[in-house]
Amino acid sequence: MSPVFPLLVALSTLLLLVMFIAIGVWVALDASARGASHPLLWAVFAPFPGVLLLYYVGWWRRKHGRGQPPSRRERYAAVVAVSGVGGFLVAAVALPPDPVSQMLYWPVAFAGCLPIAYWLIGRRQPSTQPTS
């Protein structure tokens, strides 16, 4: 076994933790801006069971309007969250179904998805002009 392997496993584990935290931060900030009574509850439970996150993104967000535009912190958390999930999907589709390969190449897929997610989410500035 290569001496680099434990470092790559540690990096993948750290990135996984960062991704879960970013998902939780984004969900908490978004739920708070949409008037949720317990945004921290959403933040704690949304990252781990993917079904709850899909429910939040697919149904709950659409039923509740925002009270304020997204903050910079919220956009950056969304960029990291989308990059992490996108990296997982790219690694799952492009690599063999081997957990070791997935863990080794997921950081590369994450880094590749980061500029795309920033282009999609992070560059969007909130509209400051009133609509009539």
N, C-alpha and C. Protein backbone atom coordinates (compact mmCIF):
# COMPACT_ATOMS: atom_id res chain seq x y z
N MET A 1 0.85 -1.18 0.00
CA MET A 1 0.00 0.00 0.00
C MET A 1 0.90 1.24 0.00
N SER A 2 0.49 2.18 -0.78
CA SER A 2 1.24 3.41 -0.93
C SER A 2 1.12 4.28 0.33
N PRO A 3 2.17 5.02 0.67
CA PRO A 3 2.07 5.91 1.85
C PRO A 3 1.15 7.10 1.60
N VAL A 4 0.79 7.33 0.36
CA VAL A 4 -0.10 8.44 0.04
C VAL A 4 -1.56 8.07 0.31
N PHE A 5 -1.86 6.78 0.29
CA PHE A 5 -3.23 6.33 0.45
C PHE A 5 -3.89 6.84 1.73
N PRO A 6 -3.26 6.73 2.92
CA PRO A 6 -3.92 7.27 4.12
C PRO A 6 -4.18 8.77 4.05
N LEU A 7 -3.31 9.50 3.38
CA LEU A 7 -3.55 10.94 3.22
C LEU A 7 -4.75 11.21 2.34
N LEU A 8 -4.90 10.44 1.27
CA LEU A 8 -6.06 10.61 0.40
C LEU A 8 -7.36 10.23 1.09
N VAL A 9 -7.31 9.19 1.90
CA VAL A 9 -8.49 8.80 2.67
C VAL A 9 -8.85 9.89 3.68
N ALA A 10 -7.85 10.46 4.33
CA ALA A 10 -8.10 11.55 5.28
C ALA A 10 -8.67 12.77 4.56
N LEU A 11 -8.14 13.09 3.38
CA LEU A 11 -8.66 14.22 2.60
C LEU A 11 -10.10 13.99 2.18
N SER A 12 -10.40 12.78 1.73
CA SER A 12 -11.77 12.46 1.32
C SER A 12 -12.73 12.55 2.50
N THR A 13 -12.30 12.06 3.64
CA THR A 13 -13.14 12.12 4.83
C THR A 13 -13.36 13.56 5.28
N LEU A 14 -12.32 14.36 5.23
CA LEU A 14 -12.44 15.78 5.58
C LEU A 14 -13.37 16.51 4.61
N LEU A 15 -13.23 16.22 3.32
CA LEU A 15 -14.12 16.85 2.34
C LEU A 15 -15.57 16.42 2.53
N LEU A 16 -15.77 15.18 2.91
CA LEU A 16 -17.12 14.71 3.18
C LEU A 16 -17.73 15.48 4.35
N LEU A 17 -16.95 15.67 5.40
CA LEU A 17 -17.41 16.44 6.55
C LEU A 17 -17.70 17.89 6.16
N VAL A 18 -16.82 18.49 5.37
CA VAL A 18 -17.02 19.87 4.91
C VAL A 18 -18.29 19.96 4.07
N MET A 19 -18.53 18.96 3.22
CA MET A 19 -19.73 18.97 2.40
C MET A 19 -21.00 18.89 3.26
N PHE A 20 -20.99 18.00 4.27
CA PHE A 20 -22.16 17.91 5.15
C PHE A 20 -22.39 19.21 5.91
N ILE A 21 -21.33 19.83 6.37
CA ILE A 21 -21.47 21.11 7.06
C ILE A 21 -22.00 22.18 6.11
N ALA A 22 -21.50 22.22 4.88
CA ALA A 22 -21.96 23.21 3.90
C ALA A 22 -23.44 23.00 3.57
N ILE A 23 -23.86 21.75 3.44
CA ILE A 23 -25.28 21.49 3.19
C ILE A 23 -26.11 21.98 4.37
N GLY A 24 -25.66 21.70 5.58
CA GLY A 24 -26.39 22.14 6.77
C GLY A 24 -26.45 23.65 6.88
N VAL A 25 -25.34 24.33 6.61
CA VAL A 25 -25.33 25.80 6.67
C VAL A 25 -26.25 26.38 5.61
N TRP A 26 -26.18 25.85 4.40
CA TRP A 26 -27.05 26.37 3.34
C TRP A 26 -28.52 26.16 3.68
N VAL A 27 -28.87 24.97 4.14
CA VAL A 27 -30.26 24.69 4.49
C VAL A 27 -30.72 25.59 5.63
N ALA A 28 -29.88 25.78 6.65
CA ALA A 28 -30.27 26.64 7.78
C ALA A 28 -30.48 28.08 7.34
N LEU A 29 -29.57 28.61 6.54
CA LEU A 29 -29.72 30.00 6.09
C LEU A 29 -30.91 30.17 5.15
N ASP A 30 -31.11 29.19 4.27
CA ASP A 30 -32.23 29.28 3.34
C ASP A 30 -33.57 29.12 4.07
N ALA A 31 -33.64 28.18 4.99
CA ALA A 31 -34.88 27.97 5.74
C ALA A 31 -35.19 29.19 6.61
N SER A 32 -34.15 29.80 7.18
CA SER A 32 -34.37 31.00 7.98
C SER A 32 -34.90 32.14 7.12
N ALA A 33 -34.35 32.30 5.92
CA ALA A 33 -34.82 33.35 5.02
C ALA A 33 -36.23 33.09 4.52
N ARG A 34 -36.65 31.85 4.55
CA ARG A 34 -38.01 31.50 4.10
C ARG A 34 -39.00 31.42 5.25
N GLY A 35 -38.56 31.79 6.45
CA GLY A 35 -39.48 31.88 7.58
C GLY A 35 -39.76 30.57 8.29
N ALA A 36 -38.85 29.63 8.24
CA ALA A 36 -39.04 28.36 8.95
C ALA A 36 -38.99 28.60 10.45
N SER A 37 -39.82 27.89 11.19
CA SER A 37 -39.83 28.08 12.64
C SER A 37 -38.62 27.45 13.31
N HIS A 38 -38.05 26.41 12.72
CA HIS A 38 -36.88 25.72 13.29
C HIS A 38 -35.85 25.44 12.19
N PRO A 39 -35.13 26.47 11.72
CA PRO A 39 -34.17 26.24 10.64
C PRO A 39 -32.99 25.35 11.04
N LEU A 40 -32.61 25.36 12.33
CA LEU A 40 -31.51 24.50 12.76
C LEU A 40 -31.90 23.02 12.73
N LEU A 41 -33.17 22.74 12.93
CA LEU A 41 -33.63 21.36 12.82
C LEU A 41 -33.49 20.87 11.39
N TRP A 42 -33.85 21.73 10.43
CA TRP A 42 -33.64 21.39 9.02
C TRP A 42 -32.15 21.16 8.76
N ALA A 43 -31.31 22.02 9.31
CA ALA A 43 -29.87 21.95 9.05
C ALA A 43 -29.26 20.67 9.60
N VAL A 44 -29.74 20.20 10.73
CA VAL A 44 -29.17 19.01 11.34
C VAL A 44 -29.59 17.75 10.58
N PHE A 45 -30.86 17.69 10.18
CA PHE A 45 -31.37 16.45 9.61
C PHE A 45 -31.34 16.39 8.08
N ALA A 46 -31.22 17.50 7.40
CA ALA A 46 -31.25 17.48 5.93
C ALA A 46 -30.03 16.83 5.29
N PRO A 47 -28.80 17.03 5.77
CA PRO A 47 -27.66 16.44 5.05
C PRO A 47 -27.59 14.92 5.11
N PHE A 48 -28.03 14.30 6.19
CA PHE A 48 -27.77 12.88 6.36
C PHE A 48 -28.76 11.98 5.64
N PRO A 49 -30.05 12.05 5.90
CA PRO A 49 -30.94 11.25 5.06
C PRO A 49 -31.24 12.04 3.79
N GLY A 50 -30.76 11.58 2.67
CA GLY A 50 -30.92 12.31 1.42
C GLY A 50 -32.37 12.56 1.05
N VAL A 51 -33.28 11.73 1.55
CA VAL A 51 -34.70 11.91 1.23
C VAL A 51 -35.21 13.22 1.81
N LEU A 52 -34.79 13.55 3.02
CA LEU A 52 -35.22 14.80 3.65
C LEU A 52 -34.68 16.01 2.89
N LEU A 53 -33.45 15.93 2.41
CA LEU A 53 -32.87 17.02 1.62
C LEU A 53 -33.62 17.17 0.30
N LEU A 54 -33.96 16.06 -0.34
CA LEU A 54 -34.76 16.12 -1.57
C LEU A 54 -36.14 16.72 -1.31
N TYR A 55 -36.75 16.38 -0.19
CA TYR A 55 -38.03 16.96 0.18
C TYR A 55 -37.90 18.47 0.38
N TYR A 56 -36.83 18.88 1.06
CA TYR A 56 -36.64 20.31 1.32
C TYR A 56 -36.45 21.07 0.01
N VAL A 57 -35.57 20.56 -0.85
CA VAL A 57 -35.26 21.26 -2.10
C VAL A 57 -36.43 21.18 -3.07
N GLY A 58 -37.06 20.02 -3.16
CA GLY A 58 -38.08 19.82 -4.18
C GLY A 58 -39.46 20.33 -3.83
N TRP A 59 -39.81 20.34 -2.55
CA TRP A 59 -41.18 20.72 -2.22
C TRP A 59 -41.25 21.90 -1.26
N TRP A 60 -40.58 21.82 -0.11
CA TRP A 60 -40.74 22.83 0.93
C TRP A 60 -40.29 24.20 0.47
N ARG A 61 -39.14 24.29 -0.22
CA ARG A 61 -38.63 25.59 -0.67
C ARG A 61 -39.59 26.25 -1.66
N ARG A 62 -40.22 25.46 -2.48
CA ARG A 62 -41.12 26.02 -3.50
C ARG A 62 -42.41 26.57 -2.89
N LYS A 63 -42.79 26.06 -1.75
CA LYS A 63 -44.03 26.50 -1.09
C LYS A 63 -43.83 27.72 -0.21
N HIS A 64 -42.60 28.08 0.09
CA HIS A 64 -42.31 29.19 1.00
C HIS A 64 -41.41 30.19 0.30
N GLY A 65 -41.87 31.41 0.17
CA GLY A 65 -41.09 32.47 -0.47
C GLY A 65 -40.03 33.02 0.45
N ARG A 66 -39.01 33.61 -0.16
CA ARG A 66 -37.91 34.21 0.61
C ARG A 66 -38.29 35.59 1.10
N GLY A 67 -37.82 35.93 2.28
CA GLY A 67 -38.04 37.26 2.83
C GLY A 67 -36.90 38.21 2.51
N GLN A 68 -35.76 37.66 2.09
CA GLN A 68 -34.58 38.47 1.78
C GLN A 68 -33.75 37.74 0.73
N PRO A 69 -32.92 38.46 -0.01
CA PRO A 69 -32.08 37.79 -1.02
C PRO A 69 -30.99 36.95 -0.35
N PRO A 70 -30.44 35.98 -1.07
CA PRO A 70 -29.39 35.14 -0.47
C PRO A 70 -28.15 35.94 -0.14
N SER A 71 -27.57 35.64 1.00
CA SER A 71 -26.34 36.32 1.42
C SER A 71 -25.14 35.67 0.72
N ARG A 72 -24.01 36.30 0.85
CA ARG A 72 -22.78 35.76 0.26
C ARG A 72 -22.42 34.42 0.90
N ARG A 73 -22.57 34.34 2.23
CA ARG A 73 -22.28 33.10 2.94
C ARG A 73 -23.19 31.97 2.46
N GLU A 74 -24.46 32.30 2.25
CA GLU A 74 -25.41 31.28 1.79
C GLU A 74 -25.05 30.80 0.38
N ARG A 75 -24.66 31.72 -0.49
CA ARG A 75 -24.27 31.32 -1.85
C ARG A 75 -23.02 30.46 -1.84
N TYR A 76 -22.03 30.81 -1.02
CA TYR A 76 -20.80 30.01 -0.95
C TYR A 76 -21.07 28.63 -0.37
N ALA A 77 -21.92 28.53 0.64
CA ALA A 77 -22.29 27.22 1.19
C ALA A 77 -23.01 26.39 0.14
N ALA A 78 -23.86 27.03 -0.66
CA ALA A 78 -24.54 26.31 -1.74
C ALA A 78 -23.55 25.83 -2.79
N VAL A 79 -22.53 26.62 -3.09
CA VAL A 79 -21.51 26.22 -4.06
C VAL A 79 -20.78 24.98 -3.58
N VAL A 80 -20.37 24.96 -2.32
CA VAL A 80 -19.65 23.80 -1.78
C VAL A 80 -20.58 22.58 -1.74
N ALA A 81 -21.84 22.78 -1.35
CA ALA A 81 -22.78 21.67 -1.28
C ALA A 81 -23.05 21.08 -2.66
N VAL A 82 -23.28 21.93 -3.64
CA VAL A 82 -23.54 21.45 -5.01
C VAL A 82 -22.29 20.77 -5.58
N SER A 83 -21.11 21.31 -5.30
CA SER A 83 -19.87 20.69 -5.77
C SER A 83 -19.68 19.31 -5.16
N GLY A 84 -19.98 19.18 -3.88
CA GLY A 84 -19.83 17.89 -3.22
C GLY A 84 -20.78 16.85 -3.78
N VAL A 85 -22.05 17.21 -3.91
CA VAL A 85 -23.03 16.28 -4.45
C VAL A 85 -22.72 15.98 -5.92
N GLY A 86 -22.36 17.02 -6.67
CA GLY A 86 -21.99 16.81 -8.08
C GLY A 86 -20.76 15.94 -8.22
N GLY A 87 -19.78 16.13 -7.34
CA GLY A 87 -18.59 15.29 -7.36
C GLY A 87 -18.93 13.83 -7.06
N PHE A 88 -19.83 13.61 -6.11
CA PHE A 88 -20.27 12.25 -5.83
C PHE A 88 -20.94 11.62 -7.05
N LEU A 89 -21.81 12.39 -7.71
CA LEU A 89 -22.50 11.86 -8.88
C LEU A 89 -21.53 11.57 -10.02
N VAL A 90 -20.58 12.47 -10.25
CA VAL A 90 -19.59 12.24 -11.31
C VAL A 90 -18.75 11.01 -10.98
N ALA A 91 -18.32 10.89 -9.75
CA ALA A 91 -17.51 9.73 -9.36
C ALA A 91 -18.32 8.43 -9.45
N ALA A 92 -19.59 8.50 -9.11
CA ALA A 92 -20.43 7.30 -9.16
C ALA A 92 -20.68 6.85 -10.59
N VAL A 93 -20.80 7.79 -11.50
CA VAL A 93 -21.08 7.45 -12.90
C VAL A 93 -19.81 7.08 -13.65
N ALA A 94 -18.73 7.80 -13.41
CA ALA A 94 -17.52 7.64 -14.21
C ALA A 94 -16.58 6.54 -13.71
N LEU A 95 -16.67 6.18 -12.45
CA LEU A 95 -15.72 5.22 -11.88
C LEU A 95 -16.37 3.86 -11.66
N PRO A 96 -15.55 2.83 -11.53
CA PRO A 96 -16.12 1.52 -11.20
C PRO A 96 -16.72 1.54 -9.79
N PRO A 97 -17.65 0.63 -9.52
CA PRO A 97 -18.32 0.65 -8.21
C PRO A 97 -17.46 0.09 -7.09
N ASP A 98 -16.29 0.64 -6.96
CA ASP A 98 -15.35 0.22 -5.93
C ASP A 98 -15.23 1.35 -4.91
N PRO A 99 -15.49 1.10 -3.63
CA PRO A 99 -15.44 2.18 -2.64
C PRO A 99 -14.08 2.85 -2.53
N VAL A 100 -13.01 2.09 -2.76
CA VAL A 100 -11.68 2.68 -2.67
C VAL A 100 -11.47 3.67 -3.82
N SER A 101 -11.87 3.28 -5.03
CA SER A 101 -11.76 4.20 -6.17
C SER A 101 -12.61 5.44 -5.96
N GLN A 102 -13.80 5.24 -5.44
CA GLN A 102 -14.69 6.37 -5.19
C GLN A 102 -14.05 7.34 -4.20
N MET A 103 -13.46 6.81 -3.14
CA MET A 103 -12.86 7.67 -2.13
C MET A 103 -11.60 8.37 -2.64
N LEU A 104 -10.87 7.72 -3.52
CA LEU A 104 -9.64 8.31 -4.02
C LEU A 104 -9.89 9.41 -5.05
N TYR A 105 -10.90 9.22 -5.88
CA TYR A 105 -11.13 10.17 -6.97
C TYR A 105 -12.23 11.18 -6.70
N TRP A 106 -12.97 11.01 -5.60
CA TRP A 106 -14.00 11.99 -5.29
C TRP A 106 -13.45 13.39 -5.06
N PRO A 107 -12.31 13.57 -4.38
CA PRO A 107 -11.77 14.93 -4.24
C PRO A 107 -11.44 15.58 -5.58
N VAL A 108 -11.01 14.79 -6.54
CA VAL A 108 -10.72 15.33 -7.87
C VAL A 108 -12.03 15.77 -8.54
N ALA A 109 -13.06 14.93 -8.44
CA ALA A 109 -14.36 15.29 -9.02
C ALA A 109 -14.94 16.51 -8.31
N PHE A 110 -14.76 16.59 -7.00
CA PHE A 110 -15.22 17.75 -6.23
C PHE A 110 -14.54 19.03 -6.74
N ALA A 111 -13.21 18.96 -6.90
CA ALA A 111 -12.46 20.12 -7.39
C ALA A 111 -12.88 20.49 -8.80
N GLY A 112 -13.20 19.49 -9.62
CA GLY A 112 -13.66 19.78 -10.98
C GLY A 112 -15.05 20.41 -11.02
N CYS A 113 -15.89 20.03 -10.08
CA CYS A 113 -17.25 20.58 -10.03
C CYS A 113 -17.31 21.96 -9.37
N LEU A 114 -16.29 22.33 -8.62
CA LEU A 114 -16.28 23.59 -7.88
C LEU A 114 -16.42 24.81 -8.80
N PRO A 115 -15.65 24.94 -9.89
CA PRO A 115 -15.84 26.12 -10.74
C PRO A 115 -17.19 26.13 -11.46
N ILE A 116 -17.70 24.96 -11.77
CA ILE A 116 -19.01 24.90 -12.44
C ILE A 116 -20.10 25.34 -11.47
N ALA A 117 -20.04 24.87 -10.23
CA ALA A 117 -21.04 25.28 -9.24
C ALA A 117 -20.92 26.76 -8.93
N TYR A 118 -19.71 27.28 -8.88
CA TYR A 118 -19.54 28.71 -8.64
C TYR A 118 -20.14 29.51 -9.79
N TRP A 119 -19.94 29.04 -11.00
CA TRP A 119 -20.50 29.73 -12.16
C TRP A 119 -22.02 29.70 -12.12
N LEU A 120 -22.59 28.58 -11.69
CA LEU A 120 -24.04 28.45 -11.64
C LEU A 120 -24.67 29.20 -10.48
N ILE A 121 -24.03 29.21 -9.32
CA ILE A 121 -24.65 29.74 -8.10
C ILE A 121 -23.95 30.98 -7.57
N GLY A 122 -22.65 30.92 -7.42
CA GLY A 122 -21.92 31.96 -6.72
C GLY A 122 -21.86 33.29 -7.43
N ARG A 123 -21.91 33.28 -8.73
CA ARG A 123 -21.80 34.52 -9.48
C ARG A 123 -23.12 35.28 -9.55
N ARG A 124 -24.21 34.61 -9.22
CA ARG A 124 -25.51 35.27 -9.26
C ARG A 124 -25.60 36.32 -8.16
N GLN A 125 -25.78 37.54 -8.52
CA GLN A 125 -25.93 38.61 -7.54
C GLN A 125 -27.41 38.86 -7.31
N PRO A 126 -27.80 39.13 -6.09
CA PRO A 126 -29.22 39.41 -5.83
C PRO A 126 -29.64 40.69 -6.52
N SER A 127 -30.86 40.68 -7.00
CA SER A 127 -31.38 41.85 -7.68
C SER A 127 -31.65 42.97 -6.68
N THR A 128 -31.06 44.13 -6.95
CA THR A 128 -31.25 45.26 -6.04
C THR A 128 -32.22 46.28 -6.59
N GLN A 129 -32.63 46.10 -7.84
CA GLN A 129 -33.55 47.06 -8.44
C GLN A 129 -34.98 46.58 -8.21
N PRO A 130 -35.86 47.51 -7.84
CA PRO A 130 -37.24 47.11 -7.63
C PRO A 130 -37.93 46.77 -8.95
N THR A 131 -38.83 45.80 -8.89
CA THR A 131 -39.60 45.45 -10.07
C THR A 131 -40.93 46.15 -10.01
N SER A 132 -41.41 46.56 -11.18
CA SER A 132 -42.70 47.25 -11.18
C SER A 132 -43.75 46.50 -11.92
